[in-house]
Amino acid sequence: MTQHQPIALITGGSRGLGRATVEALAKRGIGAILTYQGNREAAETVMAIAHEAGVKAAILQLDVADTRSFVQFAASVGDILKGWGLTHFDYLINNAGSAHNGGLADTTEDEFDRIYREHLKGPFFLTQALLPLLRDGGRILNISSGLTRFTFPGRIVYASMKGGVEVMTRYMAKELGARGITANVVAPGAIKTDFSGGMVRDNPEIGRHIAGLTALGRVGVPEDIGPMIASLLSEDNRWVNAQRIEVSGGQSL
C-alpha cells in the first residue's frame, strides 16, 4: 500500500513567496492547490513546474477579501481532492494579500477595510470554511511580517493586521489541538518580490538601507522563504506549535 502524496493549499501561490513555497514543497514530494487572483497564466506556469517535479497540482481563482466566495471555493477544493482520490488536504498556507502604504494621518477608511479583509478577516473565514477538508494532524501556516516586531514608515495598517494574524494563530493552535492540527506564523523580513510595487526589489536605495539593517548584510529573496516553509511542514517539526518564526536574516536587531 503506497502512502498518499501530501497536499498543500497555498493562497497567492502564483508569484513571490507563494510561488517559492509551491516549488520548494514540490521538491519534497508535496502537491499543491494554489490560488491566484488575476494572473491565471502565472498560476499555470507554477502548476506546470509542480507537475514537472512529479507532484499533483491544481489552480483556483480566489479573492481572499471576498468572504462570500469561500463556501463555493471550499466546494471546488473538495472536487479537486475527489478527482485525486482524496478526501482531505494536509497543509493550509494563508499567504495571499497586498501591501498598503500610508500613515495614521492619511489612511482612508476604505484602505483600512481592504487590508483588514485581505489579511485578517479573509484568513479567518477561509480557514473556517476549509476546516472540514483539512486532515486531522494537519498544519496551518499563516504568513505575517517582520513589521510586527520593527517599524517602517507607512506600514501601520498592514503591520497592525499582521499583529492580529499572530494572535489569531495562537488561538487556532489552541482550538485545533484536539484534532492534532498545529498552527504557526512565518514572519518574513524585507524580500525582493513584486510586493508593494516591487519597492524592495527595484529601489536600490531601499535595498541598500535594508541590507545595512540586516545582520547577514543583504536583502532576502523568495528562495530564502519557500524552503524554510517546506522544512517547517516536515515531520521533523511536528512539535512546533503556536510559534512566530521570523525569517529575516536578522533584520533590525
C-alpha atoms as a PDB file:
ATOM      1  CA  MET A   1       0.000   0.000   0.000  1.00  0.00           C
ATOM      2  CA  THR A   2       1.514   3.313  -1.077  1.00  0.00           C
ATOM      3  CA  GLN A   3       1.322   6.361   1.140  1.00  0.00           C
ATOM      4  CA  HIS A   4      -0.728   9.217  -0.289  1.00  0.00           C
ATOM      5  CA  GLN A   5       1.050  12.285  -1.572  1.00  0.00           C
ATOM      6  CA  PRO A   6       0.597  15.196   0.868  1.00  0.00           C
ATOM      7  CA  ILE A   7      -1.247  18.221  -0.499  1.00  0.00           C
ATOM      8  CA  ALA A   8      -0.808  21.858   0.497  1.00  0.00           C
ATOM      9  CA  LEU A   9      -3.269  24.638  -0.226  1.00  0.00           C
ATOM     10  CA  ILE A  10      -1.393  27.898  -0.767  1.00  0.00           C
ATOM     11  CA  THR A  11      -3.213  31.176  -1.294  1.00  0.00           C
ATOM     12  CA  GLY A  12      -1.392  33.605  -3.541  1.00  0.00           C
ATOM     13  CA  GLY A  13       0.713  30.774  -4.930  1.00  0.00           C
ATOM     14  CA  SER A  14       1.242  32.220  -8.386  1.00  0.00           C
ATOM     15  CA  ARG A  15       4.041  34.663  -7.506  1.00  0.00           C
ATOM     16  CA  GLY A  16       6.551  35.795  -4.914  1.00  0.00           C
ATOM     17  CA  LEU A  17       6.708  33.882  -1.659  1.00  0.00           C
ATOM     18  CA  GLY A  18       3.738  31.714  -2.598  1.00  0.00           C
ATOM     19  CA  ARG A  19       5.380  30.539  -5.780  1.00  0.00           C
ATOM     20  CA  ALA A  20       8.661  29.847  -3.985  1.00  0.00           C
ATOM     21  CA  THR A  21       6.712  27.801  -1.458  1.00  0.00           C
ATOM     22  CA  VAL A  22       4.938  25.722  -4.089  1.00  0.00           C
ATOM     23  CA  GLU A  23       8.259  24.992  -5.789  1.00  0.00           C
ATOM     24  CA  ALA A  24      10.027  24.084  -2.528  1.00  0.00           C
ATOM     25  CA  LEU A  25       7.195  21.782  -1.487  1.00  0.00           C
ATOM     26  CA  ALA A  26       7.168  20.103  -4.900  1.00  0.00           C
ATOM     27  CA  LYS A  27      10.845  19.246  -4.487  1.00  0.00           C
ATOM     28  CA  ARG A  28       9.861  17.442  -1.269  1.00  0.00           C
ATOM     29  CA  GLY A  29       7.099  15.478  -2.959  1.00  0.00           C
ATOM     30  CA  ILE A  30       4.217  17.648  -1.734  1.00  0.00           C
ATOM     31  CA  GLY A  31       1.480  18.591  -4.189  1.00  0.00           C
ATOM     32  CA  ALA A  32      -0.389  21.874  -4.243  1.00  0.00           C
ATOM     33  CA  ILE A  33      -3.682  23.571  -4.802  1.00  0.00           C
ATOM     34  CA  LEU A  34      -2.575  27.136  -5.401  1.00  0.00           C
ATOM     35  CA  THR A  35      -4.720  30.207  -5.787  1.00  0.00           C
ATOM     36  CA  TYR A  36      -4.348  33.304  -7.896  1.00  0.00           C
ATOM     37  CA  GLN A  37      -6.437  36.446  -8.086  1.00  0.00           C
ATOM     38  CA  GLY A  38      -5.960  37.813 -11.594  1.00  0.00           C
ATOM     39  CA  ASN A  39      -2.950  36.324 -13.386  1.00  0.00           C
ATOM     40  CA  ARG A  40      -4.030  32.847 -14.462  1.00  0.00           C
ATOM     41  CA  GLU A  41      -1.055  32.495 -16.805  1.00  0.00           C
ATOM     42  CA  ALA A  42       1.388  32.911 -13.916  1.00  0.00           C
ATOM     43  CA  ALA A  43      -0.547  30.327 -11.901  1.00  0.00           C
ATOM     44  CA  GLU A  44      -0.452  27.872 -14.802  1.00  0.00           C
ATOM     45  CA  THR A  45       3.322  28.313 -15.011  1.00  0.00           C
ATOM     46  CA  VAL A  46       3.724  27.413 -11.342  1.00  0.00           C
ATOM     47  CA  MET A  47       1.366  24.466 -11.753  1.00  0.00           C
ATOM     48  CA  ALA A  48       3.487  23.214 -14.657  1.00  0.00           C
ATOM     49  CA  ILE A  49       6.638  23.474 -12.530  1.00  0.00           C
ATOM     50  CA  ALA A  50       4.974  21.370  -9.839  1.00  0.00           C
ATOM     51  CA  HIS A  51       3.881  18.796 -12.407  1.00  0.00           C
ATOM     52  CA  GLU A  52       7.430  18.614 -13.761  1.00  0.00           C
ATOM     53  CA  ALA A  53       8.592  17.795 -10.223  1.00  0.00           C
ATOM     54  CA  GLY A  54       6.211  14.844 -10.251  1.00  0.00           C
ATOM     55  CA  VAL A  55       3.535  16.066  -7.840  1.00  0.00           C
ATOM     56  CA  LYS A  56      -0.158  16.797  -8.137  1.00  0.00           C
ATOM     57  CA  ALA A  57      -1.078  20.437  -8.702  1.00  0.00           C
ATOM     58  CA  ALA A  58      -4.177  22.465  -9.479  1.00  0.00           C
ATOM     59  CA  ILE A  59      -5.098  26.137  -9.592  1.00  0.00           C
ATOM     60  CA  LEU A  60      -8.172  28.003  -8.383  1.00  0.00           C
ATOM     61  CA  GLN A  61      -9.060  31.666  -8.603  1.00  0.00           C
ATOM     62  CA  LEU A  62      -9.646  33.337  -5.249  1.00  0.00           C
ATOM     63  CA  ASP A  63     -10.021  36.835  -3.888  1.00  0.00           C
ATOM     64  CA  VAL A  64      -9.200  36.442  -0.200  1.00  0.00           C
ATOM     65  CA  ALA A  65     -11.052  39.670   0.543  1.00  0.00           C
ATOM     66  CA  ASP A  66     -14.349  38.204  -0.742  1.00  0.00           C
ATOM     67  CA  THR A  67     -15.600  36.030   2.107  1.00  0.00           C
ATOM     68  CA  ARG A  68     -18.870  35.373   0.251  1.00  0.00           C
ATOM     69  CA  SER A  69     -16.963  33.213  -2.232  1.00  0.00           C
ATOM     70  CA  PHE A  70     -15.450  30.880   0.373  1.00  0.00           C
ATOM     71  CA  VAL A  71     -18.242  28.294   0.508  1.00  0.00           C
ATOM     72  CA  GLN A  72     -18.024  27.751  -3.237  1.00  0.00           C
ATOM     73  CA  PHE A  73     -14.234  27.819  -3.091  1.00  0.00           C
ATOM     74  CA  ALA A  74     -14.209  25.084  -0.451  1.00  0.00           C
ATOM     75  CA  ALA A  75     -16.547  23.031  -2.628  1.00  0.00           C
ATOM     76  CA  SER A  76     -14.137  23.435  -5.550  1.00  0.00           C
ATOM     77  CA  VAL A  77     -11.236  22.303  -3.356  1.00  0.00           C
ATOM     78  CA  GLY A  78     -13.279  19.259  -2.378  1.00  0.00           C
ATOM     79  CA  ASP A  79     -13.919  18.467  -6.036  1.00  0.00           C
ATOM     80  CA  ILE A  80     -10.204  18.643  -6.850  1.00  0.00           C
ATOM     81  CA  LEU A  81      -9.355  16.365  -3.947  1.00  0.00           C
ATOM     82  CA  LYS A  82     -12.059  13.917  -5.008  1.00  0.00           C
ATOM     83  CA  GLY A  83     -10.595  13.865  -8.510  1.00  0.00           C
ATOM     84  CA  TRP A  84      -7.276  12.846  -6.963  1.00  0.00           C
ATOM     85  CA  GLY A  85      -8.929  10.130  -4.906  1.00  0.00           C
ATOM     86  CA  LEU A  86      -8.571  12.131  -1.683  1.00  0.00           C
ATOM     87  CA  THR A  87     -10.960  13.473   0.917  1.00  0.00           C
ATOM     88  CA  HIS A  88      -8.632  15.893   2.740  1.00  0.00           C
ATOM     89  CA  PHE A  89      -5.571  18.067   2.219  1.00  0.00           C
ATOM     90  CA  ASP A  90      -2.675  18.296   4.664  1.00  0.00           C
ATOM     91  CA  TYR A  91      -1.353  21.857   4.900  1.00  0.00           C
ATOM     92  CA  LEU A  92      -3.023  25.278   4.693  1.00  0.00           C
ATOM     93  CA  ILE A  93      -0.776  28.260   3.998  1.00  0.00           C
ATOM     94  CA  ASN A  94      -2.546  31.620   4.246  1.00  0.00           C
ATOM     95  CA  ASN A  95      -0.202  33.750   2.180  1.00  0.00           C
ATOM     96  CA  ALA A  96      -2.202  35.952  -0.220  1.00  0.00           C
ATOM     97  CA  GLY A  97      -2.578  39.681   0.261  1.00  0.00           C
ATOM     98  CA  SER A  98      -1.436  43.064  -0.953  1.00  0.00           C
ATOM     99  CA  ALA A  99       0.567  45.890   0.566  1.00  0.00           C
ATOM    100  CA  HIS A 100      -0.507  49.282   1.837  1.00  0.00           C
ATOM    101  CA  ASN A 101       1.463  52.493   2.121  1.00  0.00           C
ATOM    102  CA  GLY A 102       0.043  55.201   4.343  1.00  0.00           C
ATOM    103  CA  GLY A 103       0.329  56.675   7.787  1.00  0.00           C
ATOM    104  CA  LEU A 104      -2.071  57.270  10.627  1.00  0.00           C
ATOM    105  CA  ALA A 105      -2.940  60.751   9.365  1.00  0.00           C
ATOM    106  CA  ASP A 106      -3.656  59.934   5.722  1.00  0.00           C
ATOM    107  CA  THR A 107      -5.052  56.378   5.524  1.00  0.00           C
ATOM    108  CA  THR A 108      -8.668  56.268   4.371  1.00  0.00           C
ATOM    109  CA  GLU A 109     -11.314  54.036   5.900  1.00  0.00           C
ATOM    110  CA  ASP A 110     -11.703  52.191   2.592  1.00  0.00           C
ATOM    111  CA  GLU A 111      -7.971  51.453   2.511  1.00  0.00           C
ATOM    112  CA  PHE A 112      -8.064  50.235   6.102  1.00  0.00           C
ATOM    113  CA  ASP A 113     -11.028  47.973   5.386  1.00  0.00           C
ATOM    114  CA  ARG A 114      -9.350  46.474   2.305  1.00  0.00           C
ATOM    115  CA  ILE A 115      -6.238  45.478   4.229  1.00  0.00           C
ATOM    116  CA  TYR A 116      -8.394  44.148   7.074  1.00  0.00           C
ATOM    117  CA  ARG A 117     -10.405  41.970   4.672  1.00  0.00           C
ATOM    118  CA  GLU A 118      -7.310  40.645   2.900  1.00  0.00           C
ATOM    119  CA  HIS A 119      -5.043  39.962   5.838  1.00  0.00           C
ATOM    120  CA  LEU A 120      -7.217  39.244   8.876  1.00  0.00           C
ATOM    121  CA  LYS A 121     -10.879  38.659   8.054  1.00  0.00           C
ATOM    122  CA  GLY A 122     -10.084  36.668   4.905  1.00  0.00           C
ATOM    123  CA  PRO A 123      -7.678  34.170   6.500  1.00  0.00           C
ATOM    124  CA  PHE A 124     -10.019  33.727   9.483  1.00  0.00           C
ATOM    125  CA  PHE A 125     -13.079  32.810   7.447  1.00  0.00           C
ATOM    126  CA  LEU A 126     -11.179  30.951   4.749  1.00  0.00           C
ATOM    127  CA  THR A 127      -9.626  28.721   7.390  1.00  0.00           C
ATOM    128  CA  GLN A 128     -13.074  28.246   8.898  1.00  0.00           C
ATOM    129  CA  ALA A 129     -14.500  27.208   5.527  1.00  0.00           C
ATOM    130  CA  LEU A 130     -11.669  24.760   4.870  1.00  0.00           C
ATOM    131  CA  LEU A 131     -11.518  23.092   8.295  1.00  0.00           C
ATOM    132  CA  PRO A 132     -13.708  20.154   7.229  1.00  0.00           C
ATOM    133  CA  LEU A 133     -11.245  19.431   4.405  1.00  0.00           C
ATOM    134  CA  LEU A 134      -8.050  19.789   6.471  1.00  0.00           C
ATOM    135  CA  ARG A 135      -6.989  16.429   7.815  1.00  0.00           C
ATOM    136  CA  ASP A 136      -6.576  15.719  11.492  1.00  0.00           C
ATOM    137  CA  GLY A 137      -2.866  16.065  12.235  1.00  0.00           C
ATOM    138  CA  GLY A 138      -2.510  18.696   9.517  1.00  0.00           C
ATOM    139  CA  ARG A 139      -0.782  22.060   9.653  1.00  0.00           C
ATOM    140  CA  ILE A 140      -1.757  25.704   9.285  1.00  0.00           C
ATOM    141  CA  LEU A 141       0.831  28.342   8.473  1.00  0.00           C
ATOM    142  CA  ASN A 142      -0.174  31.989   8.471  1.00  0.00           C
ATOM    143  CA  ILE A 143       2.173  34.481   6.848  1.00  0.00           C
ATOM    144  CA  SER A 144       2.878  37.588   8.897  1.00  0.00           C
ATOM    145  CA  SER A 145       5.712  40.104   8.655  1.00  0.00           C
ATOM    146  CA  GLY A 146       8.817  41.324  10.403  1.00  0.00           C
ATOM    147  CA  LEU A 147       6.894  44.595  10.645  1.00  0.00           C
ATOM    148  CA  THR A 148       5.059  43.319  13.713  1.00  0.00           C
ATOM    149  CA  ARG A 149       8.399  43.495  15.565  1.00  0.00           C
ATOM    150  CA  PHE A 150      10.069  46.534  13.988  1.00  0.00           C
ATOM    151  CA  THR A 151       8.505  49.594  12.401  1.00  0.00           C
ATOM    152  CA  PHE A 152       8.827  51.094   8.923  1.00  0.00           C
ATOM    153  CA  PRO A 153       7.178  54.327   7.708  1.00  0.00           C
ATOM    154  CA  GLY A 154       3.781  53.888   6.085  1.00  0.00           C
ATOM    155  CA  ARG A 155       3.117  50.344   7.278  1.00  0.00           C
ATOM    156  CA  ILE A 156       0.873  50.980  10.283  1.00  0.00           C
ATOM    157  CA  VAL A 157      -2.270  49.368   8.820  1.00  0.00           C
ATOM    158  CA  TYR A 158      -0.573  46.376   7.218  1.00  0.00           C
ATOM    159  CA  ALA A 159       1.508  45.650  10.320  1.00  0.00           C
ATOM    160  CA  SER A 160      -1.493  46.029  12.619  1.00  0.00           C
ATOM    161  CA  MET A 161      -3.413  43.394  10.657  1.00  0.00           C
ATOM    162  CA  LYS A 162      -0.431  41.067  10.747  1.00  0.00           C
ATOM    163  CA  GLY A 163      -0.275  41.561  14.503  1.00  0.00           C
ATOM    164  CA  GLY A 164      -3.865  40.351  14.589  1.00  0.00           C
ATOM    165  CA  VAL A 165      -2.881  37.336  12.488  1.00  0.00           C
ATOM    166  CA  GLU A 166      -0.238  36.395  15.042  1.00  0.00           C
ATOM    167  CA  VAL A 167      -2.714  36.435  17.926  1.00  0.00           C
ATOM    168  CA  MET A 168      -5.295  34.593  15.806  1.00  0.00           C
ATOM    169  CA  THR A 169      -2.738  31.888  15.076  1.00  0.00           C
ATOM    170  CA  ARG A 170      -2.169  31.152  18.752  1.00  0.00           C
ATOM    171  CA  TYR A 171      -5.906  30.763  19.225  1.00  0.00           C
ATOM    172  CA  MET A 172      -6.081  28.474  16.189  1.00  0.00           C
ATOM    173  CA  ALA A 173      -3.401  26.292  17.741  1.00  0.00           C
ATOM    174  CA  LYS A 174      -5.334  26.097  20.995  1.00  0.00           C
ATOM    175  CA  GLU A 175      -8.708  25.399  19.420  1.00  0.00           C
ATOM    176  CA  LEU A 176      -7.464  22.856  16.875  1.00  0.00           C
ATOM    177  CA  GLY A 177      -5.096  20.989  19.168  1.00  0.00           C
ATOM    178  CA  ALA A 178      -7.720  18.325  19.845  1.00  0.00           C
ATOM    179  CA  ARG A 179      -7.541  17.439  16.146  1.00  0.00           C
ATOM    180  CA  GLY A 180      -3.758  17.312  16.209  1.00  0.00           C
ATOM    181  CA  ILE A 181      -3.551  20.355  13.916  1.00  0.00           C
ATOM    182  CA  THR A 182      -0.700  22.787  14.544  1.00  0.00           C
ATOM    183  CA  ALA A 183      -0.813  26.486  13.692  1.00  0.00           C
ATOM    184  CA  ASN A 184       2.262  28.662  13.327  1.00  0.00           C
ATOM    185  CA  VAL A 185       3.303  32.021  11.918  1.00  0.00           C
ATOM    186  CA  VAL A 186       6.109  32.633   9.450  1.00  0.00           C
ATOM    187  CA  ALA A 187       7.162  36.287   9.509  1.00  0.00           C
ATOM    188  CA  PRO A 188       9.438  37.240   6.584  1.00  0.00           C
ATOM    189  CA  GLY A 189      11.575  40.342   6.642  1.00  0.00           C
ATOM    190  CA  ALA A 190      12.032  42.505   3.559  1.00  0.00           C
ATOM    191  CA  ILE A 191      12.099  40.309   0.431  1.00  0.00           C
ATOM    192  CA  LYS A 192      12.836  41.072  -3.201  1.00  0.00           C
ATOM    193  CA  THR A 193       9.443  40.450  -4.832  1.00  0.00           C
ATOM    194  CA  ASP A 194       6.817  42.490  -6.679  1.00  0.00           C
ATOM    195  CA  PHE A 195       5.069  43.094  -3.330  1.00  0.00           C
ATOM    196  CA  SER A 196       4.356  46.758  -2.647  1.00  0.00           C
ATOM    197  CA  GLY A 197       5.083  47.601  -6.278  1.00  0.00           C
ATOM    198  CA  GLY A 198       8.473  45.903  -6.158  1.00  0.00           C
ATOM    199  CA  MET A 199       9.745  48.533  -3.723  1.00  0.00           C
ATOM    200  CA  VAL A 200      12.410  46.360  -2.109  1.00  0.00           C
ATOM    201  CA  ARG A 201      13.354  44.574  -5.327  1.00  0.00           C
ATOM    202  CA  ASP A 202      13.542  47.596  -7.639  1.00  0.00           C
ATOM    203  CA  ASN A 203      14.699  50.507  -5.473  1.00  0.00           C
ATOM    204  CA  PRO A 204      18.473  50.268  -4.946  1.00  0.00           C
ATOM    205  CA  GLU A 205      18.454  52.882  -2.190  1.00  0.00           C
ATOM    206  CA  ILE A 206      15.868  50.962  -0.158  1.00  0.00           C
ATOM    207  CA  GLY A 207      17.750  47.739  -0.827  1.00  0.00           C
ATOM    208  CA  ARG A 208      20.997  49.189   0.495  1.00  0.00           C
ATOM    209  CA  HIS A 209      19.238  50.591   3.537  1.00  0.00           C
ATOM    210  CA  ILE A 210      17.649  47.240   4.425  1.00  0.00           C
ATOM    211  CA  ALA A 211      20.881  45.345   3.774  1.00  0.00           C
ATOM    212  CA  GLY A 212      22.583  47.692   6.211  1.00  0.00           C
ATOM    213  CA  LEU A 213      19.967  46.875   8.857  1.00  0.00           C
ATOM    214  CA  THR A 214      20.323  43.122   8.384  1.00  0.00           C
ATOM    215  CA  ALA A 215      22.889  41.029  10.245  1.00  0.00           C
ATOM    216  CA  LEU A 216      23.600  38.887   7.175  1.00  0.00           C
ATOM    217  CA  GLY A 217      24.165  42.014   5.091  1.00  0.00           C
ATOM    218  CA  ARG A 218      21.706  41.561   2.228  1.00  0.00           C
ATOM    219  CA  VAL A 219      18.027  41.705   1.344  1.00  0.00           C
ATOM    220  CA  GLY A 220      16.067  38.463   1.356  1.00  0.00           C
ATOM    221  CA  VAL A 221      14.861  36.645  -1.752  1.00  0.00           C
ATOM    222  CA  PRO A 222      11.837  34.317  -2.165  1.00  0.00           C
ATOM    223  CA  GLU A 223      14.147  31.305  -2.160  1.00  0.00           C
ATOM    224  CA  ASP A 224      15.050  32.172   1.446  1.00  0.00           C
ATOM    225  CA  ILE A 225      11.417  31.710   2.477  1.00  0.00           C
ATOM    226  CA  GLY A 226       9.885  28.892   0.417  1.00  0.00           C
ATOM    227  CA  PRO A 227      12.332  26.173   1.556  1.00  0.00           C
ATOM    228  CA  MET A 228      12.018  27.342   5.170  1.00  0.00           C
ATOM    229  CA  ILE A 229       8.236  26.909   4.980  1.00  0.00           C
ATOM    230  CA  ALA A 230       8.681  23.484   3.410  1.00  0.00           C
ATOM    231  CA  SER A 231      11.032  22.459   6.209  1.00  0.00           C
ATOM    232  CA  LEU A 232       8.623  23.733   8.869  1.00  0.00           C
ATOM    233  CA  LEU A 233       5.921  21.479   7.437  1.00  0.00           C
ATOM    234  CA  SER A 234       8.139  18.409   7.671  1.00  0.00           C
ATOM    235  CA  GLU A 235       7.594  15.717  10.283  1.00  0.00           C
ATOM    236  CA  ASP A 236      10.783  16.904  11.986  1.00  0.00           C
ATOM    237  CA  ASN A 237       8.873  19.983  13.159  1.00  0.00           C
ATOM    238  CA  ARG A 238       5.705  18.237  14.317  1.00  0.00           C
ATOM    239  CA  TRP A 239       6.119  19.591  17.889  1.00  0.00           C
ATOM    240  CA  VAL A 240       6.423  23.234  16.832  1.00  0.00           C
ATOM    241  CA  ASN A 241       3.092  24.877  17.578  1.00  0.00           C
ATOM    242  CA  ALA A 242       1.680  28.374  18.227  1.00  0.00           C
ATOM    243  CA  GLN A 243       5.029  29.982  17.336  1.00  0.00           C
ATOM    244  CA  ARG A 244       6.041  33.095  15.417  1.00  0.00           C
ATOM    245  CA  ILE A 245       9.147  32.309  13.396  1.00  0.00           C
ATOM    246  CA  GLU A 246      10.815  35.322  11.812  1.00  0.00           C
ATOM    247  CA  VAL A 247      12.814  34.715   8.637  1.00  0.00           C
ATOM    248  CA  SER A 248      14.610  37.994   8.054  1.00  0.00           C
ATOM    249  CA  GLY A 249      18.350  37.299   8.126  1.00  0.00           C
ATOM    250  CA  GLY A 250      18.487  39.220  11.388  1.00  0.00           C
ATOM    251  CA  GLN A 251      16.837  42.476  10.326  1.00  0.00           C
ATOM    252  CA  SER A 252      16.713  45.433  12.693  1.00  0.00           C
ATOM    253  CA  LEU A 253      18.281  43.658  15.670  1.00  0.00           C
END
